[in-house]
Amino acid sequence: APGKQRELVATMSNGGGNPSYADPV
């Protein structure tokens, strides 16, 4: 976002592991 650092939103591996999400989303 403007004026903010880049932050992680969500990730997922190619092997079908459980996704992870940042708390705000």
PDB file of all heavy atoms in Angstrom:
ATOM      1  N   ALA A   1       0.837  -1.185   0.000  1.00  0.00           N
ATOM      2  CA  ALA A   1       0.000   0.000   0.000  1.00  0.00           C
ATOM      3  C   ALA A   1       0.879   1.244   0.000  1.00  0.00           C
ATOM      4  O   ALA A   1       2.045   1.192   0.404  1.00  0.00           O
ATOM      5  CB  ALA A   1      -0.920  -0.004   1.221  1.00  0.00           C
ATOM      6  N   PRO A   2       0.346   2.370  -0.440  1.00  0.00           N
ATOM      7  CA  PRO A   2       1.135   3.604  -0.445  1.00  0.00           C
ATOM      8  C   PRO A   2       1.687   3.932   0.936  1.00  0.00           C
ATOM      9  O   PRO A   2       0.958   3.928   1.928  1.00  0.00           O
ATOM     10  CB  PRO A   2       0.134   4.663  -0.907  1.00  0.00           C
ATOM     11  CG  PRO A   2      -0.875   3.905  -1.703  1.00  0.00           C
ATOM     12  CD  PRO A   2      -0.994   2.571  -1.016  1.00  0.00           C
ATOM     13  N   GLY A   3       2.970   4.204   0.990  1.00  0.00           N
ATOM     14  CA  GLY A   3       3.609   4.559   2.239  1.00  0.00           C
ATOM     15  C   GLY A   3       3.882   3.415   3.179  1.00  0.00           C
ATOM     16  O   GLY A   3       4.314   3.645   4.314  1.00  0.00           O
ATOM     17  N   LYS A   4       3.641   2.193   2.740  1.00  0.00           N
ATOM     18  CA  LYS A   4       3.850   1.032   3.590  1.00  0.00           C
ATOM     19  C   LYS A   4       4.825   0.053   2.950  1.00  0.00           C
ATOM     20  O   LYS A   4       5.081   0.098   1.747  1.00  0.00           O
ATOM     21  CB  LYS A   4       2.527   0.316   3.874  1.00  0.00           C
ATOM     22  CG  LYS A   4       1.543   1.113   4.714  1.00  0.00           C
ATOM     23  CD  LYS A   4       0.328   0.273   5.055  1.00  0.00           C
ATOM     24  CE  LYS A   4      -0.627   1.024   5.958  1.00  0.00           C
ATOM     25  NZ  LYS A   4      -1.806   0.188   6.320  1.00  0.00           N
ATOM     26  N   GLN A   5       5.350  -0.827   3.783  1.00  0.00           N
ATOM     27  CA  GLN A   5       6.228  -1.878   3.305  1.00  0.00           C
ATOM     28  C   GLN A   5       5.423  -2.986   2.632  1.00  0.00           C
ATOM     29  O   GLN A   5       4.248  -3.192   2.934  1.00  0.00           O
ATOM     30  CB  GLN A   5       7.044  -2.456   4.463  1.00  0.00           C
ATOM     31  CG  GLN A   5       7.982  -1.463   5.121  1.00  0.00           C
ATOM     32  CD  GLN A   5       9.086  -1.035   4.192  1.00  0.00           C
ATOM     33  OE1 GLN A   5       9.762  -1.868   3.580  1.00  0.00           O
ATOM     34  NE2 GLN A   5       9.283   0.270   4.064  1.00  0.00           N
ATOM     35  N   ARG A   6       6.073  -3.678   1.733  1.00  0.00           N
ATOM     36  CA  ARG A   6       5.438  -4.820   1.106  1.00  0.00           C
ATOM     37  C   ARG A   6       5.208  -5.910   2.149  1.00  0.00           C
ATOM     38  O   ARG A   6       6.097  -6.214   2.951  1.00  0.00           O
ATOM     39  CB  ARG A   6       6.303  -5.348  -0.038  1.00  0.00           C
ATOM     40  CG  ARG A   6       5.628  -6.396  -0.887  1.00  0.00           C
ATOM     41  CD  ARG A   6       6.459  -6.734  -2.115  1.00  0.00           C
ATOM     42  NE  ARG A   6       6.641  -5.578  -2.975  1.00  0.00           N
ATOM     43  CZ  ARG A   6       7.233  -5.619  -4.165  1.00  0.00           C
ATOM     44  NH1 ARG A   6       7.689  -6.776  -4.640  1.00  0.00           N
ATOM     45  NH2 ARG A   6       7.367  -4.515  -4.874  1.00  0.00           N
ATOM     46  N   GLU A   7       4.024  -6.500   2.135  1.00  0.00           N
ATOM     47  CA  GLU A   7       3.674  -7.490   3.135  1.00  0.00           C
ATOM     48  C   GLU A   7       3.123  -8.746   2.488  1.00  0.00           C
ATOM     49  O   GLU A   7       2.529  -8.710   1.409  1.00  0.00           O
ATOM     50  CB  GLU A   7       2.642  -6.924   4.123  1.00  0.00           C
ATOM     51  CG  GLU A   7       1.306  -6.581   3.487  1.00  0.00           C
ATOM     52  CD  GLU A   7       0.293  -6.058   4.491  1.00  0.00           C
ATOM     53  OE1 GLU A   7       0.625  -5.981   5.691  1.00  0.00           O
ATOM     54  OE2 GLU A   7      -0.832  -5.721   4.072  1.00  0.00           O
ATOM     55  N   LEU A   8       3.327  -9.844   3.175  1.00  0.00           N
ATOM     56  CA  LEU A   8       2.826 -11.124   2.721  1.00  0.00           C
ATOM     57  C   LEU A   8       1.312 -11.188   2.880  1.00  0.00           C
ATOM     58  O   LEU A   8       0.771 -10.781   3.908  1.00  0.00           O
ATOM     59  CB  LEU A   8       3.485 -12.254   3.515  1.00  0.00           C
ATOM     60  CG  LEU A   8       2.988 -13.674   3.240  1.00  0.00           C
ATOM     61  CD1 LEU A   8       3.362 -14.104   1.828  1.00  0.00           C
ATOM     62  CD2 LEU A   8       3.576 -14.649   4.259  1.00  0.00           C
ATOM     63  N   VAL A   9       0.642 -11.721   1.867  1.00  0.00           N
ATOM     64  CA  VAL A   9      -0.803 -11.905   1.902  1.00  0.00           C
ATOM     65  C   VAL A   9      -1.158 -13.372   2.091  1.00  0.00           C
ATOM     66  O   VAL A   9      -1.923 -13.735   2.984  1.00  0.00           O
ATOM     67  CB  VAL A   9      -1.471 -11.349   0.636  1.00  0.00           C
ATOM     68  CG1 VAL A   9      -2.969 -11.644   0.644  1.00  0.00           C
ATOM     69  CG2 VAL A   9      -1.221  -9.854   0.507  1.00  0.00           C
ATOM     70  N   ALA A  10      -0.618 -14.229   1.241  1.00  0.00           N
ATOM     71  CA  ALA A  10      -0.930 -15.652   1.292  1.00  0.00           C
ATOM     72  C   ALA A  10       0.112 -16.428   0.513  1.00  0.00           C
ATOM     73  O   ALA A  10       0.720 -15.902  -0.422  1.00  0.00           O
ATOM     74  CB  ALA A  10      -2.325 -15.929   0.726  1.00  0.00           C
ATOM     75  N   THR A  11       0.316 -17.687   0.887  1.00  0.00           N
ATOM     76  CA  THR A  11       1.248 -18.561   0.185  1.00  0.00           C
ATOM     77  C   THR A  11       0.650 -19.947   0.037  1.00  0.00           C
ATOM     78  O   THR A  11      -0.215 -20.356   0.816  1.00  0.00           O
ATOM     79  CB  THR A  11       2.600 -18.686   0.913  1.00  0.00           C
ATOM     80  OG1 THR A  11       2.403 -19.271   2.200  1.00  0.00           O
ATOM     81  CG2 THR A  11       3.270 -17.336   1.053  1.00  0.00           C
ATOM     82  N   MET A  12       1.147 -20.677  -0.954  1.00  0.00           N
ATOM     83  CA  MET A  12       0.728 -22.050  -1.188  1.00  0.00           C
ATOM     84  C   MET A  12       1.819 -22.783  -1.946  1.00  0.00           C
ATOM     85  O   MET A  12       2.368 -22.271  -2.916  1.00  0.00           O
ATOM     86  CB  MET A  12      -0.585 -22.100  -1.968  1.00  0.00           C
ATOM     87  CG  MET A  12      -1.033 -23.513  -2.333  1.00  0.00           C
ATOM     88  SD  MET A  12      -2.668 -23.565  -3.108  1.00  0.00           S
ATOM     89  CE  MET A  12      -3.704 -23.449  -1.642  1.00  0.00           C
ATOM     90  N   SER A  13       2.119 -23.993  -1.506  1.00  0.00           N
ATOM     91  CA  SER A  13       3.107 -24.814  -2.187  1.00  0.00           C
ATOM     92  C   SER A  13       2.478 -25.514  -3.378  1.00  0.00           C
ATOM     93  O   SER A  13       1.253 -25.594  -3.512  1.00  0.00           O
ATOM     94  CB  SER A  13       3.707 -25.838  -1.231  1.00  0.00           C
ATOM     95  OG  SER A  13       2.755 -26.822  -0.875  1.00  0.00           O
ATOM     96  N   ASN A  14       3.333 -26.052  -4.251  1.00  0.00           N
ATOM     97  CA  ASN A  14       2.835 -26.760  -5.423  1.00  0.00           C
ATOM     98  C   ASN A  14       2.330 -28.157  -5.098  1.00  0.00           C
ATOM     99  O   ASN A  14       1.622 -28.755  -5.903  1.00  0.00           O
ATOM    100  CB  ASN A  14       3.930 -26.860  -6.485  1.00  0.00           C
ATOM    101  CG  ASN A  14       5.090 -27.743  -6.039  1.00  0.00           C
ATOM    102  OD1 ASN A  14       5.613 -27.587  -4.941  1.00  0.00           O
ATOM    103  ND2 ASN A  14       5.509 -28.657  -6.897  1.00  0.00           N
ATOM    104  N   GLY A  15       2.697 -28.673  -3.927  1.00  0.00           N
ATOM    105  CA  GLY A  15       2.362 -30.037  -3.561  1.00  0.00           C
ATOM    106  C   GLY A  15       1.029 -30.214  -2.865  1.00  0.00           C
ATOM    107  O   GLY A  15       0.724 -31.318  -2.405  1.00  0.00           O
ATOM    108  N   GLY A  16       0.249 -29.181  -2.766  1.00  0.00           N
ATOM    109  CA  GLY A  16      -1.067 -29.289  -2.167  1.00  0.00           C
ATOM    110  C   GLY A  16      -1.113 -29.093  -0.664  1.00  0.00           C
ATOM    111  O   GLY A  16      -2.094 -29.463  -0.020  1.00  0.00           O
ATOM    112  N   GLY A  17      -0.065 -28.509  -0.098  1.00  0.00           N
ATOM    113  CA  GLY A  17      -0.054 -28.227   1.314  1.00  0.00           C
ATOM    114  C   GLY A  17      -1.081 -27.168   1.694  1.00  0.00           C
ATOM    115  O   GLY A  17      -1.623 -26.474   0.842  1.00  0.00           O
ATOM    116  N   ASN A  18      -1.326 -27.075   2.975  1.00  0.00           N
ATOM    117  CA  ASN A  18      -2.290 -26.093   3.448  1.00  0.00           C
ATOM    118  C   ASN A  18      -1.803 -24.683   3.164  1.00  0.00           C
ATOM    119  O   ASN A  18      -0.642 -24.357   3.415  1.00  0.00           O
ATOM    120  CB  ASN A  18      -2.533 -26.259   4.943  1.00  0.00           C
ATOM    121  CG  ASN A  18      -3.254 -27.540   5.282  1.00  0.00           C
ATOM    122  OD1 ASN A  18      -4.072 -28.030   4.500  1.00  0.00           O
ATOM    123  ND2 ASN A  18      -2.971 -28.080   6.451  1.00  0.00           N
ATOM    124  N   PRO A  19      -2.668 -23.847   2.657  1.00  0.00           N
ATOM    125  CA  PRO A  19      -2.266 -22.468   2.420  1.00  0.00           C
ATOM    126  C   PRO A  19      -2.140 -21.700   3.722  1.00  0.00           C
ATOM    127  O   PRO A  19      -2.712 -22.077   4.746  1.00  0.00           O
ATOM    128  CB  PRO A  19      -3.402 -21.916   1.557  1.00  0.00           C
ATOM    129  CG  PRO A  19      -4.592 -22.725   1.971  1.00  0.00           C
ATOM    130  CD  PRO A  19      -4.067 -24.097   2.260  1.00  0.00           C
ATOM    131  N   SER A  20      -1.400 -20.626   3.675  1.00  0.00           N
ATOM    132  CA  SER A  20      -1.267 -19.749   4.819  1.00  0.00           C
ATOM    133  C   SER A  20      -1.698 -18.344   4.434  1.00  0.00           C
ATOM    134  O   SER A  20      -1.541 -17.930   3.284  1.00  0.00           O
ATOM    135  CB  SER A  20       0.168 -19.742   5.349  1.00  0.00           C
ATOM    136  OG  SER A  20       1.064 -19.244   4.368  1.00  0.00           O
ATOM    137  N   TYR A  21      -2.237 -17.622   5.409  1.00  0.00           N
ATOM    138  CA  TYR A  21      -2.774 -16.299   5.163  1.00  0.00           C
ATOM    139  C   TYR A  21      -2.327 -15.339   6.252  1.00  0.00           C
ATOM    140  O   TYR A  21      -2.196 -15.714   7.417  1.00  0.00           O
ATOM    141  CB  TYR A  21      -4.301 -16.318   5.141  1.00  0.00           C
ATOM    142  CG  TYR A  21      -4.895 -17.192   4.075  1.00  0.00           C
ATOM    143  CD1 TYR A  21      -5.227 -18.514   4.340  1.00  0.00           C
ATOM    144  CD2 TYR A  21      -5.127 -16.692   2.795  1.00  0.00           C
ATOM    145  CE1 TYR A  21      -5.774 -19.320   3.358  1.00  0.00           C
ATOM    146  CE2 TYR A  21      -5.668 -17.493   1.813  1.00  0.00           C
ATOM    147  CZ  TYR A  21      -5.990 -18.805   2.095  1.00  0.00           C
ATOM    148  OH  TYR A  21      -6.535 -19.597   1.115  1.00  0.00           O
ATOM    149  N   ALA A  22      -2.116 -14.113   5.852  1.00  0.00           N
ATOM    150  CA  ALA A  22      -1.887 -13.065   6.820  1.00  0.00           C
ATOM    151  C   ALA A  22      -3.182 -12.786   7.575  1.00  0.00           C
ATOM    152  O   ALA A  22      -4.279 -12.896   7.022  1.00  0.00           O
ATOM    153  CB  ALA A  22      -1.389 -11.798   6.134  1.00  0.00           C
ATOM    154  N   ASP A  23      -3.053 -12.404   8.823  1.00  0.00           N
ATOM    155  CA  ASP A  23      -4.226 -12.191   9.656  1.00  0.00           C
ATOM    156  C   ASP A  23      -5.244 -11.214   9.068  1.00  0.00           C
ATOM    157  O   ASP A  23      -6.452 -11.458   9.169  1.00  0.00           O
ATOM    158  CB  ASP A  23      -3.804 -11.730  11.051  1.00  0.00           C
ATOM    159  CG  ASP A  23      -3.194 -12.846  11.871  1.00  0.00           C
ATOM    160  OD1 ASP A  23      -3.421 -14.027  11.545  1.00  0.00           O
ATOM    161  OD2 ASP A  23      -2.494 -12.530  12.852  1.00  0.00           O
ATOM    162  N   PRO A  24      -4.823 -10.099   8.467  1.00  0.00           N
ATOM    163  CA  PRO A  24      -5.823  -9.153   7.968  1.00  0.00           C
ATOM    164  C   PRO A  24      -6.725  -9.695   6.867  1.00  0.00           C
ATOM    165  O   PRO A  24      -7.806  -9.142   6.659  1.00  0.00           O
ATOM    166  CB  PRO A  24      -4.970  -7.988   7.444  1.00  0.00           C
ATOM    167  CG  PRO A  24      -3.693  -8.086   8.194  1.00  0.00           C
ATOM    168  CD  PRO A  24      -3.463  -9.551   8.353  1.00  0.00           C
ATOM    169  N   VAL A  25      -6.298 -10.745   6.166  1.00  0.00           N
ATOM    170  CA  VAL A  25      -7.094 -11.265   5.062  1.00  0.00           C
ATOM    171  C   VAL A  25      -7.694 -12.622   5.366  1.00  0.00           C
ATOM    172  O   VAL A  25      -8.484 -13.134   4.558  1.00  0.00           O
ATOM    173  CB  VAL A  25      -6.267 -11.343   3.772  1.00  0.00           C
ATOM    174  CG1 VAL A  25      -5.604 -10.006   3.483  1.00  0.00           C
ATOM    175  CG2 VAL A  25      -5.222 -12.454   3.854  1.00  0.00           C
TER     176      VAL A  25
END
